[in-house]
Amino acid sequence: MSSSSNCATARRRFCLALAAWPLAGLAEAPLPGLRRWGSGEFRRFGFLVYEATLWAGDDPTRPPLALRLDYRRNLSGRAIADASQREMRQLGGEAPLPAAWGERMAALFPDVRAGDSITGIHRADGAHFLYNGRDLGGIADPEFARRFFAIWLDPRTSAPELRAALLRRPGA
């Protein structure tokens, strides 16, 4: 094989690796033992807000699980916290939301820019959050975690198409 042929092969490999690089983080499970389930898009007024990906065990609606939101628009952390509270209220029926949850979410969630991600990890004892892979902290309350992840996983979600995409079994 000639040196120019080796060079072309190396260049091709580099280009393929570079093209796959942004997706590399999406394939890795945020917690050991979880596997990737489905993914889908969330749009508001026709604009793509984020792409979501779910990792779970055998039951994608029960902890442990992780949900990664890859933002495609700039949003304030306060707007994310407020939207989360609205959705949690709508799904909670008569049960009021503790004010501390809203305050904690507002303190945890950073402003995001297109390309940033927030990963929520739902464990039996609560929820924990990562921003671009860095630890944000969490809320150690199982009821908070249940109601927060219901935003995407409850059958009464305001985004049923996204829910269906997230719950799609791998290979289905």
N, C-alpha and C. Protein backbone atom coordinates (compact mmCIF):
# COMPACT_ATOMS: atom_id res chain seq x y z
N MET A 1 0.86 -1.18 0.00
CA MET A 1 0.00 0.00 0.00
C MET A 1 0.90 1.23 0.00
N SER A 2 0.57 2.20 -0.81
CA SER A 2 1.39 3.40 -0.91
C SER A 2 1.15 4.33 0.27
N SER A 3 2.09 5.27 0.48
CA SER A 3 1.94 6.22 1.58
C SER A 3 0.76 7.14 1.35
N SER A 4 0.46 7.48 0.08
CA SER A 4 -0.71 8.34 -0.16
C SER A 4 -2.00 7.60 0.14
N SER A 5 -2.01 6.30 -0.09
CA SER A 5 -3.19 5.48 0.24
C SER A 5 -3.37 5.41 1.75
N ASN A 6 -2.25 5.24 2.50
CA ASN A 6 -2.31 5.23 3.96
C ASN A 6 -2.82 6.57 4.48
N CYS A 7 -2.35 7.64 3.89
CA CYS A 7 -2.75 8.99 4.30
C CYS A 7 -4.25 9.19 4.06
N ALA A 8 -4.74 8.75 2.91
CA ALA A 8 -6.17 8.89 2.60
C ALA A 8 -7.01 8.08 3.58
N THR A 9 -6.56 6.87 3.92
CA THR A 9 -7.29 6.03 4.87
C THR A 9 -7.31 6.69 6.25
N ALA A 10 -6.18 7.21 6.68
CA ALA A 10 -6.11 7.89 7.98
C ALA A 10 -7.01 9.11 8.01
N ARG A 11 -7.02 9.87 6.92
CA ARG A 11 -7.86 11.06 6.84
C ARG A 11 -9.35 10.67 6.91
N ARG A 12 -9.70 9.61 6.21
CA ARG A 12 -11.08 9.13 6.21
C ARG A 12 -11.49 8.72 7.64
N ARG A 13 -10.64 7.98 8.33
CA ARG A 13 -10.93 7.56 9.71
C ARG A 13 -11.10 8.78 10.63
N PHE A 14 -10.20 9.75 10.47
CA PHE A 14 -10.28 10.96 11.29
C PHE A 14 -11.60 11.68 11.03
N CYS A 15 -11.99 11.82 9.76
CA CYS A 15 -13.23 12.52 9.43
C CYS A 15 -14.44 11.77 9.99
N LEU A 16 -14.43 10.44 9.90
CA LEU A 16 -15.53 9.66 10.46
C LEU A 16 -15.60 9.82 11.98
N ALA A 17 -14.44 9.79 12.64
CA ALA A 17 -14.41 9.97 14.10
C ALA A 17 -14.88 11.36 14.48
N LEU A 18 -14.46 12.36 13.73
CA LEU A 18 -14.86 13.73 14.01
C LEU A 18 -16.36 13.90 13.82
N ALA A 19 -16.91 13.28 12.78
CA ALA A 19 -18.35 13.39 12.52
C ALA A 19 -19.15 12.73 13.63
N ALA A 20 -18.65 11.66 14.22
CA ALA A 20 -19.38 10.95 15.27
C ALA A 20 -19.17 11.57 16.65
N TRP A 21 -18.18 12.45 16.80
CA TRP A 21 -17.83 12.98 18.12
C TRP A 21 -18.99 13.62 18.87
N PRO A 22 -19.84 14.48 18.29
CA PRO A 22 -20.91 15.08 19.07
C PRO A 22 -21.91 14.06 19.61
N LEU A 23 -22.02 12.91 18.96
CA LEU A 23 -22.97 11.89 19.39
C LEU A 23 -22.36 10.94 20.41
N ALA A 24 -21.05 11.00 20.63
CA ALA A 24 -20.41 10.03 21.51
C ALA A 24 -21.00 10.07 22.91
N GLY A 25 -21.28 11.23 23.45
CA GLY A 25 -21.83 11.33 24.79
C GLY A 25 -23.24 10.79 24.89
N LEU A 26 -23.97 10.79 23.79
CA LEU A 26 -25.35 10.30 23.81
C LEU A 26 -25.42 8.80 23.97
N ALA A 27 -24.37 8.08 23.59
CA ALA A 27 -24.40 6.63 23.65
C ALA A 27 -24.04 6.11 25.04
N GLU A 28 -23.40 6.91 25.86
CA GLU A 28 -22.95 6.46 27.17
C GLU A 28 -24.06 6.60 28.19
N ALA A 29 -24.29 5.52 28.95
CA ALA A 29 -25.31 5.55 29.98
C ALA A 29 -24.86 6.43 31.13
N PRO A 30 -25.73 7.31 31.63
CA PRO A 30 -25.38 8.16 32.76
C PRO A 30 -25.19 7.37 34.06
N LEU A 31 -25.78 6.18 34.15
CA LEU A 31 -25.62 5.32 35.33
C LEU A 31 -25.31 3.90 34.87
N PRO A 32 -24.45 3.18 35.59
CA PRO A 32 -24.19 1.79 35.23
C PRO A 32 -25.49 0.98 35.29
N GLY A 33 -25.63 0.06 34.37
CA GLY A 33 -26.79 -0.82 34.36
C GLY A 33 -27.97 -0.30 33.56
N LEU A 34 -27.91 0.95 33.11
CA LEU A 34 -28.99 1.49 32.30
C LEU A 34 -28.63 1.34 30.83
N ARG A 35 -29.65 1.20 30.01
CA ARG A 35 -29.41 1.17 28.57
C ARG A 35 -30.27 2.24 27.91
N ARG A 36 -29.84 2.62 26.74
CA ARG A 36 -30.56 3.67 26.03
C ARG A 36 -31.90 3.14 25.54
N TRP A 37 -32.93 3.92 25.80
CA TRP A 37 -34.26 3.62 25.28
C TRP A 37 -34.48 4.53 24.09
N GLY A 38 -35.53 5.33 24.12
CA GLY A 38 -35.85 6.15 22.97
C GLY A 38 -35.37 7.57 23.09
N SER A 39 -35.61 8.31 22.01
CA SER A 39 -35.29 9.73 22.01
C SER A 39 -36.30 10.43 21.09
N GLY A 40 -36.46 11.71 21.31
CA GLY A 40 -37.40 12.48 20.51
C GLY A 40 -37.17 13.96 20.70
N GLU A 41 -37.99 14.74 20.03
CA GLU A 41 -37.87 16.19 20.05
C GLU A 41 -39.04 16.83 20.78
N PHE A 42 -38.74 17.93 21.46
CA PHE A 42 -39.78 18.75 22.07
C PHE A 42 -39.80 20.08 21.33
N ARG A 43 -40.96 20.39 20.78
CA ARG A 43 -41.14 21.65 20.05
C ARG A 43 -42.23 22.48 20.73
N ARG A 44 -42.03 23.77 20.68
CA ARG A 44 -43.03 24.71 21.19
C ARG A 44 -43.25 25.75 20.11
N PHE A 45 -44.50 25.90 19.70
CA PHE A 45 -44.86 26.84 18.63
C PHE A 45 -44.04 26.58 17.36
N GLY A 46 -43.74 25.29 17.11
CA GLY A 46 -43.00 24.90 15.92
C GLY A 46 -41.49 24.97 16.04
N PHE A 47 -40.98 25.58 17.11
CA PHE A 47 -39.53 25.72 17.30
C PHE A 47 -38.99 24.55 18.11
N LEU A 48 -37.88 23.99 17.66
CA LEU A 48 -37.22 22.91 18.39
C LEU A 48 -36.59 23.49 19.66
N VAL A 49 -37.05 23.03 20.82
CA VAL A 49 -36.53 23.51 22.11
C VAL A 49 -35.41 22.59 22.59
N TYR A 50 -35.66 21.28 22.57
CA TYR A 50 -34.63 20.33 22.97
C TYR A 50 -34.91 18.97 22.36
N GLU A 51 -33.86 18.15 22.36
CA GLU A 51 -33.96 16.74 22.02
C GLU A 51 -33.76 15.98 23.31
N ALA A 52 -34.58 14.98 23.55
CA ALA A 52 -34.54 14.22 24.79
C ALA A 52 -34.15 12.77 24.51
N THR A 53 -33.38 12.19 25.44
CA THR A 53 -32.97 10.80 25.34
C THR A 53 -33.16 10.16 26.71
N LEU A 54 -33.75 8.97 26.73
CA LEU A 54 -34.04 8.25 27.98
C LEU A 54 -33.14 7.03 28.10
N TRP A 55 -32.58 6.85 29.30
CA TRP A 55 -31.87 5.62 29.66
C TRP A 55 -32.62 5.01 30.83
N ALA A 56 -32.80 3.69 30.80
CA ALA A 56 -33.52 3.02 31.89
C ALA A 56 -33.13 1.54 31.91
N GLY A 57 -33.67 0.85 32.91
CA GLY A 57 -33.52 -0.60 33.00
C GLY A 57 -34.64 -1.25 32.20
N ASP A 58 -35.22 -2.31 32.77
CA ASP A 58 -36.28 -3.04 32.06
C ASP A 58 -37.59 -2.27 32.00
N ASP A 59 -37.86 -1.42 32.99
CA ASP A 59 -39.08 -0.62 33.00
C ASP A 59 -38.69 0.85 32.89
N PRO A 60 -38.94 1.46 31.73
CA PRO A 60 -38.47 2.84 31.53
C PRO A 60 -39.27 3.89 32.28
N THR A 61 -40.26 3.49 33.07
CA THR A 61 -41.02 4.47 33.83
C THR A 61 -40.70 4.43 35.32
N ARG A 62 -39.78 3.55 35.70
CA ARG A 62 -39.45 3.40 37.13
C ARG A 62 -37.95 3.62 37.34
N PRO A 63 -37.61 4.22 38.50
CA PRO A 63 -36.18 4.44 38.77
C PRO A 63 -35.46 3.11 38.98
N PRO A 64 -34.16 3.09 38.71
CA PRO A 64 -33.36 4.22 38.25
C PRO A 64 -33.53 4.45 36.75
N LEU A 65 -33.48 5.72 36.38
CA LEU A 65 -33.51 6.11 34.98
C LEU A 65 -32.85 7.46 34.84
N ALA A 66 -32.53 7.81 33.63
CA ALA A 66 -31.91 9.11 33.37
C ALA A 66 -32.52 9.69 32.10
N LEU A 67 -32.73 10.98 32.12
CA LEU A 67 -33.28 11.69 30.98
C LEU A 67 -32.36 12.86 30.65
N ARG A 68 -31.85 12.86 29.43
CA ARG A 68 -30.95 13.94 29.00
C ARG A 68 -31.69 14.84 28.02
N LEU A 69 -31.64 16.13 28.28
CA LEU A 69 -32.22 17.13 27.39
C LEU A 69 -31.08 17.90 26.75
N ASP A 70 -30.99 17.80 25.43
CA ASP A 70 -29.99 18.54 24.67
C ASP A 70 -30.69 19.75 24.07
N TYR A 71 -30.37 20.91 24.62
CA TYR A 71 -31.07 22.15 24.26
C TYR A 71 -30.64 22.65 22.88
N ARG A 72 -31.61 23.13 22.14
CA ARG A 72 -31.38 23.70 20.81
C ARG A 72 -31.71 25.19 20.77
N ARG A 73 -32.09 25.73 21.92
CA ARG A 73 -32.41 27.16 22.07
C ARG A 73 -31.81 27.65 23.38
N ASN A 74 -31.60 28.94 23.47
CA ASN A 74 -31.14 29.55 24.72
C ASN A 74 -32.35 29.74 25.63
N LEU A 75 -32.21 29.33 26.88
CA LEU A 75 -33.27 29.49 27.88
C LEU A 75 -32.66 29.84 29.22
N SER A 76 -33.38 30.63 30.00
CA SER A 76 -32.90 30.92 31.34
C SER A 76 -33.24 29.76 32.27
N GLY A 77 -32.41 29.59 33.28
CA GLY A 77 -32.67 28.55 34.28
C GLY A 77 -34.01 28.78 34.97
N ARG A 78 -34.36 30.04 35.19
CA ARG A 78 -35.65 30.39 35.81
C ARG A 78 -36.80 29.92 34.92
N ALA A 79 -36.68 30.11 33.60
CA ALA A 79 -37.73 29.68 32.67
C ALA A 79 -37.88 28.15 32.70
N ILE A 80 -36.76 27.44 32.80
CA ILE A 80 -36.81 25.97 32.88
C ILE A 80 -37.50 25.55 34.17
N ALA A 81 -37.14 26.17 35.29
CA ALA A 81 -37.75 25.85 36.58
C ALA A 81 -39.25 26.16 36.57
N ASP A 82 -39.62 27.32 36.02
CA ASP A 82 -41.04 27.72 35.98
C ASP A 82 -41.85 26.76 35.12
N ALA A 83 -41.32 26.40 33.94
CA ALA A 83 -42.03 25.46 33.06
C ALA A 83 -42.17 24.10 33.73
N SER A 84 -41.13 23.67 34.44
CA SER A 84 -41.18 22.39 35.16
C SER A 84 -42.26 22.42 36.22
N GLN A 85 -42.34 23.52 36.97
CA GLN A 85 -43.37 23.65 38.00
C GLN A 85 -44.77 23.61 37.39
N ARG A 86 -44.98 24.32 36.29
CA ARG A 86 -46.29 24.33 35.63
C ARG A 86 -46.71 22.91 35.24
N GLU A 87 -45.79 22.20 34.62
CA GLU A 87 -46.09 20.83 34.18
C GLU A 87 -46.36 19.92 35.38
N MET A 88 -45.57 20.05 36.43
CA MET A 88 -45.76 19.23 37.62
C MET A 88 -47.11 19.52 38.26
N ARG A 89 -47.51 20.79 38.29
CA ARG A 89 -48.83 21.16 38.84
C ARG A 89 -49.96 20.53 38.04
N GLN A 90 -49.86 20.63 36.71
CA GLN A 90 -50.91 20.09 35.85
C GLN A 90 -51.07 18.58 36.03
N LEU A 91 -49.99 17.89 36.26
CA LEU A 91 -50.04 16.44 36.42
C LEU A 91 -50.38 16.02 37.84
N GLY A 92 -50.22 16.94 38.79
CA GLY A 92 -50.41 16.60 40.20
C GLY A 92 -51.84 16.69 40.69
N GLY A 93 -52.72 17.20 39.87
CA GLY A 93 -54.11 17.34 40.30
C GLY A 93 -54.24 18.31 41.45
N GLU A 94 -54.85 17.85 42.51
CA GLU A 94 -55.12 18.70 43.68
C GLU A 94 -53.91 18.86 44.61
N ALA A 95 -52.94 17.96 44.50
CA ALA A 95 -51.80 18.01 45.41
C ALA A 95 -50.93 19.24 45.12
N PRO A 96 -50.77 20.14 46.09
CA PRO A 96 -49.95 21.34 45.86
C PRO A 96 -48.46 20.99 45.79
N LEU A 97 -47.72 21.82 45.09
CA LEU A 97 -46.28 21.65 45.03
C LEU A 97 -45.65 22.42 46.19
N PRO A 98 -44.75 21.78 46.92
CA PRO A 98 -44.03 22.54 47.95
C PRO A 98 -43.24 23.68 47.32
N ALA A 99 -43.32 24.86 47.91
CA ALA A 99 -42.60 26.03 47.39
C ALA A 99 -41.10 25.77 47.33
N ALA A 100 -40.60 24.97 48.25
CA ALA A 100 -39.17 24.67 48.28
C ALA A 100 -38.70 23.99 47.00
N TRP A 101 -39.57 23.21 46.35
CA TRP A 101 -39.17 22.55 45.11
C TRP A 101 -38.88 23.59 44.03
N GLY A 102 -39.77 24.55 43.88
CA GLY A 102 -39.57 25.59 42.87
C GLY A 102 -38.31 26.40 43.14
N GLU A 103 -38.10 26.74 44.41
CA GLU A 103 -36.91 27.51 44.78
C GLU A 103 -35.64 26.71 44.49
N ARG A 104 -35.68 25.43 44.81
CA ARG A 104 -34.49 24.58 44.60
C ARG A 104 -34.21 24.40 43.11
N MET A 105 -35.26 24.19 42.30
CA MET A 105 -35.06 24.05 40.86
C MET A 105 -34.48 25.35 40.27
N ALA A 106 -35.01 26.48 40.72
CA ALA A 106 -34.51 27.78 40.22
C ALA A 106 -33.04 27.95 40.58
N ALA A 107 -32.63 27.47 41.75
CA ALA A 107 -31.24 27.58 42.17
C ALA A 107 -30.35 26.57 41.43
N LEU A 108 -30.89 25.40 41.09
CA LEU A 108 -30.11 24.35 40.44
C LEU A 108 -29.92 24.57 38.95
N PHE A 109 -31.01 24.91 38.25
CA PHE A 109 -30.98 24.93 36.79
C PHE A 109 -30.28 26.18 36.27
N PRO A 110 -29.22 25.98 35.49
CA PRO A 110 -28.49 27.13 34.94
C PRO A 110 -29.17 27.65 33.68
N ASP A 111 -28.78 28.82 33.25
CA ASP A 111 -29.16 29.29 31.93
C ASP A 111 -28.49 28.36 30.93
N VAL A 112 -29.21 27.99 29.88
CA VAL A 112 -28.64 27.10 28.87
C VAL A 112 -28.58 27.82 27.52
N ARG A 113 -27.61 27.42 26.74
CA ARG A 113 -27.45 27.91 25.38
C ARG A 113 -27.61 26.72 24.45
N ALA A 114 -27.91 26.98 23.21
CA ALA A 114 -28.01 25.91 22.23
C ALA A 114 -26.74 25.07 22.27
N GLY A 115 -26.90 23.76 22.42
CA GLY A 115 -25.76 22.85 22.52
C GLY A 115 -25.50 22.36 23.93
N ASP A 116 -26.06 23.02 24.95
CA ASP A 116 -25.91 22.56 26.33
C ASP A 116 -26.86 21.41 26.61
N SER A 117 -26.55 20.65 27.66
CA SER A 117 -27.44 19.57 28.07
C SER A 117 -27.62 19.57 29.58
N ILE A 118 -28.80 19.15 29.98
CA ILE A 118 -29.07 18.86 31.39
C ILE A 118 -29.56 17.42 31.44
N THR A 119 -28.95 16.63 32.31
CA THR A 119 -29.36 15.25 32.52
C THR A 119 -29.95 15.13 33.90
N GLY A 120 -31.17 14.63 33.97
CA GLY A 120 -31.81 14.35 35.24
C GLY A 120 -31.72 12.87 35.52
N ILE A 121 -31.31 12.53 36.73
CA ILE A 121 -31.20 11.12 37.14
C ILE A 121 -32.22 10.88 38.23
N HIS A 122 -33.11 9.93 37.97
CA HIS A 122 -34.17 9.59 38.92
C HIS A 122 -33.78 8.32 39.64
N ARG A 123 -33.54 8.46 40.93
CA ARG A 123 -33.26 7.31 41.79
C ARG A 123 -34.42 7.19 42.77
N ALA A 124 -34.47 6.09 43.47
CA ALA A 124 -35.57 5.87 44.42
C ALA A 124 -35.63 6.96 45.49
N ASP A 125 -34.49 7.55 45.84
CA ASP A 125 -34.45 8.54 46.93
C ASP A 125 -34.56 9.99 46.46
N GLY A 126 -34.69 10.23 45.15
CA GLY A 126 -34.80 11.60 44.68
C GLY A 126 -34.25 11.77 43.28
N ALA A 127 -33.92 13.01 42.95
CA ALA A 127 -33.42 13.35 41.62
C ALA A 127 -32.09 14.08 41.73
N HIS A 128 -31.24 13.84 40.76
CA HIS A 128 -29.94 14.49 40.71
C HIS A 128 -29.76 15.01 39.29
N PHE A 129 -29.02 16.12 39.13
CA PHE A 129 -28.91 16.77 37.84
C PHE A 129 -27.46 17.04 37.47
N LEU A 130 -27.19 16.93 36.17
CA LEU A 130 -25.88 17.23 35.59
C LEU A 130 -26.07 18.27 34.50
N TYR A 131 -25.15 19.18 34.39
CA TYR A 131 -25.15 20.20 33.34
C TYR A 131 -23.90 20.01 32.51
N ASN A 132 -24.07 19.65 31.25
CA ASN A 132 -22.92 19.35 30.39
C ASN A 132 -21.97 18.37 31.06
N GLY A 133 -22.55 17.40 31.79
CA GLY A 133 -21.76 16.37 32.46
C GLY A 133 -21.25 16.75 33.84
N ARG A 134 -21.41 18.01 34.24
CA ARG A 134 -20.93 18.45 35.56
C ARG A 134 -22.06 18.40 36.57
N ASP A 135 -21.72 18.06 37.79
CA ASP A 135 -22.70 17.92 38.87
C ASP A 135 -23.35 19.26 39.21
N LEU A 136 -24.69 19.28 39.22
CA LEU A 136 -25.44 20.47 39.65
C LEU A 136 -25.96 20.31 41.07
N GLY A 137 -26.19 19.08 41.50
CA GLY A 137 -26.82 18.82 42.78
C GLY A 137 -28.16 18.15 42.55
N GLY A 138 -28.93 18.06 43.61
CA GLY A 138 -30.20 17.36 43.47
C GLY A 138 -31.21 17.74 44.52
N ILE A 139 -32.31 17.02 44.49
CA ILE A 139 -33.38 17.20 45.45
C ILE A 139 -33.70 15.81 46.00
N ALA A 140 -33.36 15.59 47.26
CA ALA A 140 -33.50 14.28 47.89
C ALA A 140 -34.92 14.11 48.41
N ASP A 141 -35.84 13.93 47.50
CA ASP A 141 -37.25 13.74 47.84
C ASP A 141 -37.87 12.84 46.78
N PRO A 142 -38.24 11.61 47.15
CA PRO A 142 -38.80 10.68 46.16
C PRO A 142 -40.06 11.23 45.47
N GLU A 143 -40.88 11.98 46.18
CA GLU A 143 -42.10 12.53 45.57
C GLU A 143 -41.75 13.60 44.55
N PHE A 144 -40.76 14.42 44.84
CA PHE A 144 -40.31 15.39 43.84
C PHE A 144 -39.86 14.65 42.58
N ALA A 145 -39.01 13.64 42.73
CA ALA A 145 -38.49 12.92 41.57
C ALA A 145 -39.63 12.29 40.77
N ARG A 146 -40.57 11.69 41.43
CA ARG A 146 -41.70 11.06 40.74
C ARG A 146 -42.46 12.10 39.92
N ARG A 147 -42.76 13.22 40.54
CA ARG A 147 -43.54 14.25 39.85
C ARG A 147 -42.74 14.97 38.77
N PHE A 148 -41.44 15.15 39.00
CA PHE A 148 -40.61 15.82 37.99
C PHE A 148 -40.51 14.97 36.72
N PHE A 149 -40.19 13.69 36.86
CA PHE A 149 -40.03 12.85 35.67
C PHE A 149 -41.36 12.50 35.03
N ALA A 150 -42.46 12.68 35.75
CA ALA A 150 -43.79 12.51 35.15
C ALA A 150 -44.03 13.51 34.03
N ILE A 151 -43.32 14.64 34.06
CA ILE A 151 -43.45 15.64 33.00
C ILE A 151 -43.29 14.97 31.63
N TRP A 152 -42.41 14.00 31.53
CA TRP A 152 -42.14 13.32 30.26
C TRP A 152 -42.75 11.93 30.19
N LEU A 153 -42.90 11.26 31.35
CA LEU A 153 -43.22 9.83 31.32
C LEU A 153 -44.64 9.48 31.73
N ASP A 154 -45.38 10.40 32.32
CA ASP A 154 -46.76 10.13 32.72
C ASP A 154 -47.64 10.05 31.47
N PRO A 155 -48.61 9.13 31.45
CA PRO A 155 -49.51 9.05 30.30
C PRO A 155 -50.28 10.35 30.03
N ARG A 156 -50.40 11.22 31.05
CA ARG A 156 -51.14 12.49 30.87
C ARG A 156 -50.22 13.66 30.50
N THR A 157 -48.99 13.38 30.12
CA THR A 157 -48.04 14.44 29.76
C THR A 157 -48.61 15.37 28.70
N SER A 158 -48.13 16.59 28.68
CA SER A 158 -48.56 17.54 27.65
C SER A 158 -47.84 17.29 26.32
N ALA A 159 -46.89 16.36 26.29
CA ALA A 159 -46.14 16.02 25.08
C ALA A 159 -46.22 14.51 24.82
N PRO A 160 -47.41 14.01 24.44
CA PRO A 160 -47.57 12.55 24.28
C PRO A 160 -46.71 11.94 23.18
N GLU A 161 -46.42 12.70 22.12
CA GLU A 161 -45.57 12.15 21.04
C GLU A 161 -44.14 11.96 21.54
N LEU A 162 -43.66 12.90 22.34
CA LEU A 162 -42.32 12.77 22.91
C LEU A 162 -42.28 11.58 23.86
N ARG A 163 -43.30 11.44 24.70
CA ARG A 163 -43.37 10.30 25.62
C ARG A 163 -43.29 8.99 24.85
N ALA A 164 -44.08 8.86 23.79
CA ALA A 164 -44.08 7.64 22.99
C ALA A 164 -42.69 7.37 22.41
N ALA A 165 -42.02 8.42 21.94
CA ALA A 165 -40.67 8.26 21.38
C ALA A 165 -39.67 7.83 22.46
N LEU A 166 -39.78 8.40 23.65
CA LEU A 166 -38.87 8.04 24.74
C LEU A 166 -39.06 6.61 25.20
N LEU A 167 -40.30 6.15 25.22
CA LEU A 167 -40.61 4.82 25.74
C LEU A 167 -40.47 3.73 24.67
N ARG A 168 -40.07 4.10 23.49
CA ARG A 168 -39.88 3.11 22.42
C ARG A 168 -38.73 2.20 22.78
N ARG A 169 -39.04 0.91 22.83
CA ARG A 169 -38.02 -0.08 23.19
C ARG A 169 -36.92 -0.10 22.14
N PRO A 170 -35.67 -0.17 22.59
CA PRO A 170 -34.55 -0.20 21.64
C PRO A 170 -34.72 -1.34 20.63
N GLY A 171 -34.47 -1.02 19.39
CA GLY A 171 -34.58 -2.03 18.33
C GLY A 171 -36.00 -2.25 17.87
N ALA A 172 -36.96 -1.50 18.45
CA ALA A 172 -38.36 -1.70 18.06
C ALA A 172 -38.72 -0.84 16.87
